[in-house]
Amino acid sequence: MDPEQQQHVAAMMAGFGMIFFMITVVIYAILVFLFWRICTKAGMAGPLALIAIIPAIGPLIVLCILAFGDWKVVPVPPYYAPLPPQYPPPPTYSPQGPNV
């Protein structure tokens, strides 16, 4: 390879490296944002999501904290649907028997 081709290959590799770095930063930003929201909804501190920045093991640590942590949220009361009307209405019996 002549020096001019080496410069072109080096420039291309630098461009690919920058694109890869930018995509990685965007993915980590989205990951931290999502973990931050989950942590605050679980009643935990939002900055706990910054642990997810640690490469490879950070998201696993945050998931373990969320899975085994004590969520400080008030449970939603259960929804009770209205009872359906009774069809047919219950039969009425006379105290003297059926032939009266």
N, C-alpha and C. Protein backbone atom coordinates (compact mmCIF):
# COMPACT_ATOMS: atom_id res chain seq x y z
N MET A 1 0.84 -1.18 0.00
CA MET A 1 0.00 0.00 0.00
C MET A 1 0.88 1.24 0.00
N ASP A 2 0.50 2.16 -0.83
CA ASP A 2 1.25 3.40 -0.83
C ASP A 2 0.76 4.32 0.28
N PRO A 3 1.49 5.33 0.67
CA PRO A 3 1.12 6.20 1.80
C PRO A 3 -0.23 6.90 1.62
N GLU A 4 -0.57 7.20 0.36
CA GLU A 4 -1.85 7.89 0.15
C GLU A 4 -3.03 6.96 0.47
N GLN A 5 -2.92 5.69 0.08
CA GLN A 5 -3.96 4.72 0.41
C GLN A 5 -4.03 4.49 1.92
N GLN A 6 -2.89 4.48 2.57
CA GLN A 6 -2.87 4.31 4.02
C GLN A 6 -3.58 5.47 4.71
N GLN A 7 -3.41 6.67 4.19
CA GLN A 7 -4.09 7.83 4.78
C GLN A 7 -5.61 7.71 4.59
N HIS A 8 -6.02 7.23 3.42
CA HIS A 8 -7.45 7.07 3.18
C HIS A 8 -8.05 6.00 4.10
N VAL A 9 -7.34 4.90 4.27
CA VAL A 9 -7.82 3.84 5.15
C VAL A 9 -7.86 4.33 6.59
N ALA A 10 -6.83 5.08 7.00
CA ALA A 10 -6.80 5.61 8.37
C ALA A 10 -7.94 6.60 8.59
N ALA A 11 -8.22 7.43 7.61
CA ALA A 11 -9.32 8.39 7.73
C ALA A 11 -10.66 7.68 7.80
N MET A 12 -10.80 6.62 6.99
CA MET A 12 -12.04 5.87 7.01
C MET A 12 -12.23 5.16 8.35
N MET A 13 -11.18 4.58 8.89
CA MET A 13 -11.26 3.93 10.19
C MET A 13 -11.59 4.93 11.30
N ALA A 14 -11.02 6.13 11.22
CA ALA A 14 -11.32 7.16 12.21
C ALA A 14 -12.79 7.57 12.12
N GLY A 15 -13.30 7.67 10.90
CA GLY A 15 -14.71 8.02 10.72
C GLY A 15 -15.63 6.95 11.29
N PHE A 16 -15.32 5.68 11.00
CA PHE A 16 -16.12 4.59 11.54
C PHE A 16 -16.03 4.55 13.06
N GLY A 17 -14.85 4.83 13.59
CA GLY A 17 -14.68 4.85 15.05
C GLY A 17 -15.51 5.94 15.69
N MET A 18 -15.57 7.11 15.08
CA MET A 18 -16.38 8.20 15.63
C MET A 18 -17.87 7.87 15.57
N ILE A 19 -18.29 7.28 14.46
CA ILE A 19 -19.71 6.90 14.35
C ILE A 19 -20.05 5.85 15.40
N PHE A 20 -19.18 4.85 15.57
CA PHE A 20 -19.41 3.82 16.58
C PHE A 20 -19.45 4.43 17.98
N PHE A 21 -18.55 5.36 18.27
CA PHE A 21 -18.53 6.03 19.58
C PHE A 21 -19.81 6.82 19.81
N MET A 22 -20.28 7.54 18.79
CA MET A 22 -21.50 8.34 18.95
C MET A 22 -22.71 7.44 19.17
N ILE A 23 -22.81 6.33 18.45
CA ILE A 23 -23.92 5.39 18.64
C ILE A 23 -23.88 4.80 20.04
N THR A 24 -22.69 4.48 20.52
CA THR A 24 -22.54 3.93 21.88
C THR A 24 -22.99 4.94 22.92
N VAL A 25 -22.61 6.19 22.76
CA VAL A 25 -23.00 7.24 23.71
C VAL A 25 -24.52 7.41 23.71
N VAL A 26 -25.14 7.37 22.55
CA VAL A 26 -26.60 7.51 22.47
C VAL A 26 -27.28 6.32 23.15
N ILE A 27 -26.78 5.12 22.93
CA ILE A 27 -27.39 3.94 23.56
C ILE A 27 -27.26 4.01 25.07
N TYR A 28 -26.10 4.41 25.58
CA TYR A 28 -25.94 4.54 27.02
C TYR A 28 -26.81 5.65 27.60
N ALA A 29 -26.99 6.74 26.86
CA ALA A 29 -27.85 7.82 27.34
C ALA A 29 -29.31 7.35 27.45
N ILE A 30 -29.76 6.61 26.45
CA ILE A 30 -31.13 6.07 26.50
C ILE A 30 -31.26 5.08 27.65
N LEU A 31 -30.25 4.23 27.84
CA LEU A 31 -30.27 3.25 28.91
C LEU A 31 -30.34 3.91 30.28
N VAL A 32 -29.53 4.96 30.48
CA VAL A 32 -29.54 5.67 31.76
C VAL A 32 -30.89 6.37 31.97
N PHE A 33 -31.43 6.96 30.92
CA PHE A 33 -32.73 7.63 31.03
C PHE A 33 -33.82 6.64 31.44
N LEU A 34 -33.85 5.46 30.79
CA LEU A 34 -34.88 4.46 31.12
C LEU A 34 -34.72 3.93 32.54
N PHE A 35 -33.47 3.63 32.94
CA PHE A 35 -33.25 3.16 34.31
C PHE A 35 -33.59 4.25 35.32
N TRP A 36 -33.31 5.51 34.99
CA TRP A 36 -33.64 6.61 35.89
C TRP A 36 -35.14 6.66 36.13
N ARG A 37 -35.91 6.56 35.06
CA ARG A 37 -37.38 6.59 35.20
C ARG A 37 -37.88 5.41 36.02
N ILE A 38 -37.35 4.22 35.77
CA ILE A 38 -37.78 3.03 36.51
C ILE A 38 -37.43 3.18 37.98
N CYS A 39 -36.23 3.68 38.27
CA CYS A 39 -35.82 3.84 39.67
C CYS A 39 -36.70 4.85 40.40
N THR A 40 -37.04 5.96 39.76
CA THR A 40 -37.89 6.94 40.44
C THR A 40 -39.31 6.40 40.63
N LYS A 41 -39.82 5.65 39.66
CA LYS A 41 -41.16 5.07 39.83
C LYS A 41 -41.18 3.97 40.88
N ALA A 42 -40.02 3.36 41.12
CA ALA A 42 -39.93 2.32 42.15
C ALA A 42 -39.68 2.91 43.53
N GLY A 43 -39.56 4.23 43.61
CA GLY A 43 -39.34 4.88 44.90
C GLY A 43 -37.89 4.91 45.30
N MET A 44 -36.99 4.66 44.37
CA MET A 44 -35.56 4.69 44.66
C MET A 44 -34.98 5.99 44.11
N ALA A 45 -33.72 6.25 44.44
CA ALA A 45 -33.06 7.46 43.95
C ALA A 45 -32.78 7.33 42.46
N GLY A 46 -33.06 8.39 41.72
CA GLY A 46 -32.83 8.38 40.28
C GLY A 46 -31.38 8.24 39.88
N PRO A 47 -30.43 8.92 40.60
CA PRO A 47 -29.02 8.78 40.21
C PRO A 47 -28.47 7.36 40.33
N LEU A 48 -29.22 6.47 40.92
CA LEU A 48 -28.81 5.07 40.96
C LEU A 48 -28.63 4.53 39.54
N ALA A 49 -29.32 5.12 38.59
CA ALA A 49 -29.23 4.67 37.20
C ALA A 49 -27.88 4.97 36.59
N LEU A 50 -27.09 5.86 37.19
CA LEU A 50 -25.78 6.18 36.63
C LEU A 50 -24.81 5.01 36.77
N ILE A 51 -25.14 4.02 37.59
CA ILE A 51 -24.30 2.82 37.68
C ILE A 51 -24.30 2.10 36.33
N ALA A 52 -25.36 2.29 35.55
CA ALA A 52 -25.47 1.60 34.26
C ALA A 52 -24.42 2.07 33.27
N ILE A 53 -23.70 3.14 33.57
CA ILE A 53 -22.66 3.63 32.67
C ILE A 53 -21.45 2.69 32.67
N ILE A 54 -21.26 1.95 33.75
CA ILE A 54 -20.13 1.02 33.81
C ILE A 54 -20.33 -0.02 32.70
N PRO A 55 -19.36 -0.15 31.81
CA PRO A 55 -19.55 -1.06 30.67
C PRO A 55 -19.74 -2.52 31.11
N ALA A 56 -20.63 -3.19 30.45
CA ALA A 56 -20.90 -4.63 30.54
C ALA A 56 -21.57 -5.05 31.84
N ILE A 57 -21.15 -4.58 32.99
CA ILE A 57 -21.70 -5.08 34.25
C ILE A 57 -22.64 -4.06 34.91
N GLY A 58 -22.58 -2.81 34.51
CA GLY A 58 -23.40 -1.77 35.12
C GLY A 58 -24.90 -2.01 35.01
N PRO A 59 -25.42 -2.27 33.80
CA PRO A 59 -26.85 -2.54 33.69
C PRO A 59 -27.29 -3.77 34.49
N LEU A 60 -26.42 -4.78 34.57
CA LEU A 60 -26.74 -5.96 35.35
C LEU A 60 -26.85 -5.63 36.84
N ILE A 61 -25.98 -4.77 37.33
CA ILE A 61 -26.04 -4.35 38.73
C ILE A 61 -27.33 -3.60 39.01
N VAL A 62 -27.70 -2.68 38.11
CA VAL A 62 -28.94 -1.91 38.31
C VAL A 62 -30.15 -2.84 38.26
N LEU A 63 -30.15 -3.80 37.34
CA LEU A 63 -31.27 -4.74 37.27
C LEU A 63 -31.38 -5.58 38.54
N CYS A 64 -30.24 -5.99 39.10
CA CYS A 64 -30.27 -6.76 40.35
C CYS A 64 -30.78 -5.91 41.51
N ILE A 65 -30.38 -4.65 41.55
CA ILE A 65 -30.88 -3.76 42.61
C ILE A 65 -32.39 -3.59 42.47
N LEU A 66 -32.87 -3.43 41.24
CA LEU A 66 -34.32 -3.28 41.04
C LEU A 66 -35.07 -4.57 41.33
N ALA A 67 -34.48 -5.69 40.98
CA ALA A 67 -35.17 -6.97 41.16
C ALA A 67 -35.27 -7.35 42.63
N PHE A 68 -34.21 -7.12 43.38
CA PHE A 68 -34.19 -7.56 44.77
C PHE A 68 -34.39 -6.44 45.77
N GLY A 69 -34.55 -5.21 45.29
CA GLY A 69 -34.75 -4.08 46.18
C GLY A 69 -36.18 -3.99 46.67
N ASP A 70 -36.38 -3.16 47.68
CA ASP A 70 -37.71 -2.95 48.24
C ASP A 70 -38.34 -1.74 47.56
N TRP A 71 -39.35 -1.97 46.75
CA TRP A 71 -40.01 -0.89 46.03
C TRP A 71 -40.93 -0.15 46.99
N LYS A 72 -40.77 1.15 47.06
CA LYS A 72 -41.55 1.96 47.99
C LYS A 72 -42.68 2.66 47.24
N VAL A 73 -43.61 1.88 46.74
CA VAL A 73 -44.75 2.43 46.03
C VAL A 73 -46.03 1.95 46.70
N VAL A 74 -47.07 2.72 46.57
CA VAL A 74 -48.36 2.34 47.12
C VAL A 74 -49.06 1.47 46.09
N PRO A 75 -49.52 0.29 46.49
CA PRO A 75 -50.19 -0.56 45.49
C PRO A 75 -51.50 0.05 45.04
N VAL A 76 -51.81 -0.18 43.80
CA VAL A 76 -53.05 0.33 43.22
C VAL A 76 -54.18 -0.54 43.74
N PRO A 77 -55.29 0.08 44.19
CA PRO A 77 -56.41 -0.74 44.65
C PRO A 77 -56.96 -1.58 43.49
N PRO A 78 -57.41 -2.77 43.78
CA PRO A 78 -57.91 -3.61 42.68
C PRO A 78 -59.19 -3.03 42.09
N TYR A 79 -59.37 -3.27 40.84
CA TYR A 79 -60.55 -2.79 40.14
C TYR A 79 -61.62 -3.88 40.23
N TYR A 80 -62.73 -3.50 40.79
CA TYR A 80 -63.85 -4.43 40.88
C TYR A 80 -64.89 -4.04 39.83
N ALA A 81 -65.11 -4.92 38.89
CA ALA A 81 -66.11 -4.66 37.86
C ALA A 81 -67.49 -4.81 38.48
N PRO A 82 -68.44 -4.05 37.98
CA PRO A 82 -69.80 -4.23 38.51
C PRO A 82 -70.28 -5.65 38.25
N LEU A 83 -70.98 -6.18 39.20
CA LEU A 83 -71.48 -7.54 39.05
C LEU A 83 -72.57 -7.57 37.99
N PRO A 84 -72.61 -8.60 37.17
CA PRO A 84 -73.66 -8.67 36.15
C PRO A 84 -75.00 -8.98 36.82
N PRO A 85 -76.08 -8.54 36.19
CA PRO A 85 -77.39 -8.86 36.76
C PRO A 85 -77.62 -10.37 36.75
N GLN A 86 -78.43 -10.80 37.67
CA GLN A 86 -78.69 -12.24 37.76
C GLN A 86 -79.83 -12.60 36.81
N TYR A 87 -79.54 -13.51 35.87
CA TYR A 87 -80.53 -13.99 34.93
C TYR A 87 -80.58 -15.49 35.05
N PRO A 88 -81.68 -16.08 35.14
CA PRO A 88 -82.98 -15.54 35.54
C PRO A 88 -82.98 -15.20 37.03
N PRO A 89 -83.98 -14.45 37.47
CA PRO A 89 -84.03 -14.13 38.90
C PRO A 89 -84.20 -15.40 39.72
N PRO A 90 -83.68 -15.39 40.94
CA PRO A 90 -83.80 -16.61 41.75
C PRO A 90 -85.28 -16.96 42.00
N PRO A 91 -85.59 -18.25 41.98
CA PRO A 91 -87.00 -18.65 42.18
C PRO A 91 -87.43 -18.37 43.62
N THR A 92 -88.72 -18.08 43.74
CA THR A 92 -89.28 -17.87 45.08
C THR A 92 -90.08 -19.11 45.46
N TYR A 93 -89.91 -19.56 46.66
CA TYR A 93 -90.60 -20.76 47.15
C TYR A 93 -91.56 -20.34 48.27
N SER A 94 -92.71 -20.94 48.24
CA SER A 94 -93.65 -20.67 49.34
C SER A 94 -93.32 -21.61 50.49
N PRO A 95 -93.54 -21.21 51.71
CA PRO A 95 -93.22 -22.09 52.84
C PRO A 95 -94.10 -23.33 52.91
N GLN A 96 -95.25 -23.36 52.19
CA GLN A 96 -96.16 -24.50 52.30
C GLN A 96 -95.87 -25.58 51.28
N GLY A 97 -95.03 -25.37 50.35
CA GLY A 97 -94.70 -26.40 49.38
C GLY A 97 -95.00 -25.93 47.96
N PRO A 98 -94.67 -26.75 46.97
CA PRO A 98 -94.83 -26.32 45.56
C PRO A 98 -96.26 -26.40 45.03
N ASN A 99 -97.18 -27.16 45.66
CA ASN A 99 -98.53 -27.34 45.11
C ASN A 99 -99.55 -26.38 45.68
N VAL A 100 -99.16 -25.36 46.32
CA VAL A 100 -100.13 -24.46 46.91
C VAL A 100 -100.45 -23.31 46.02
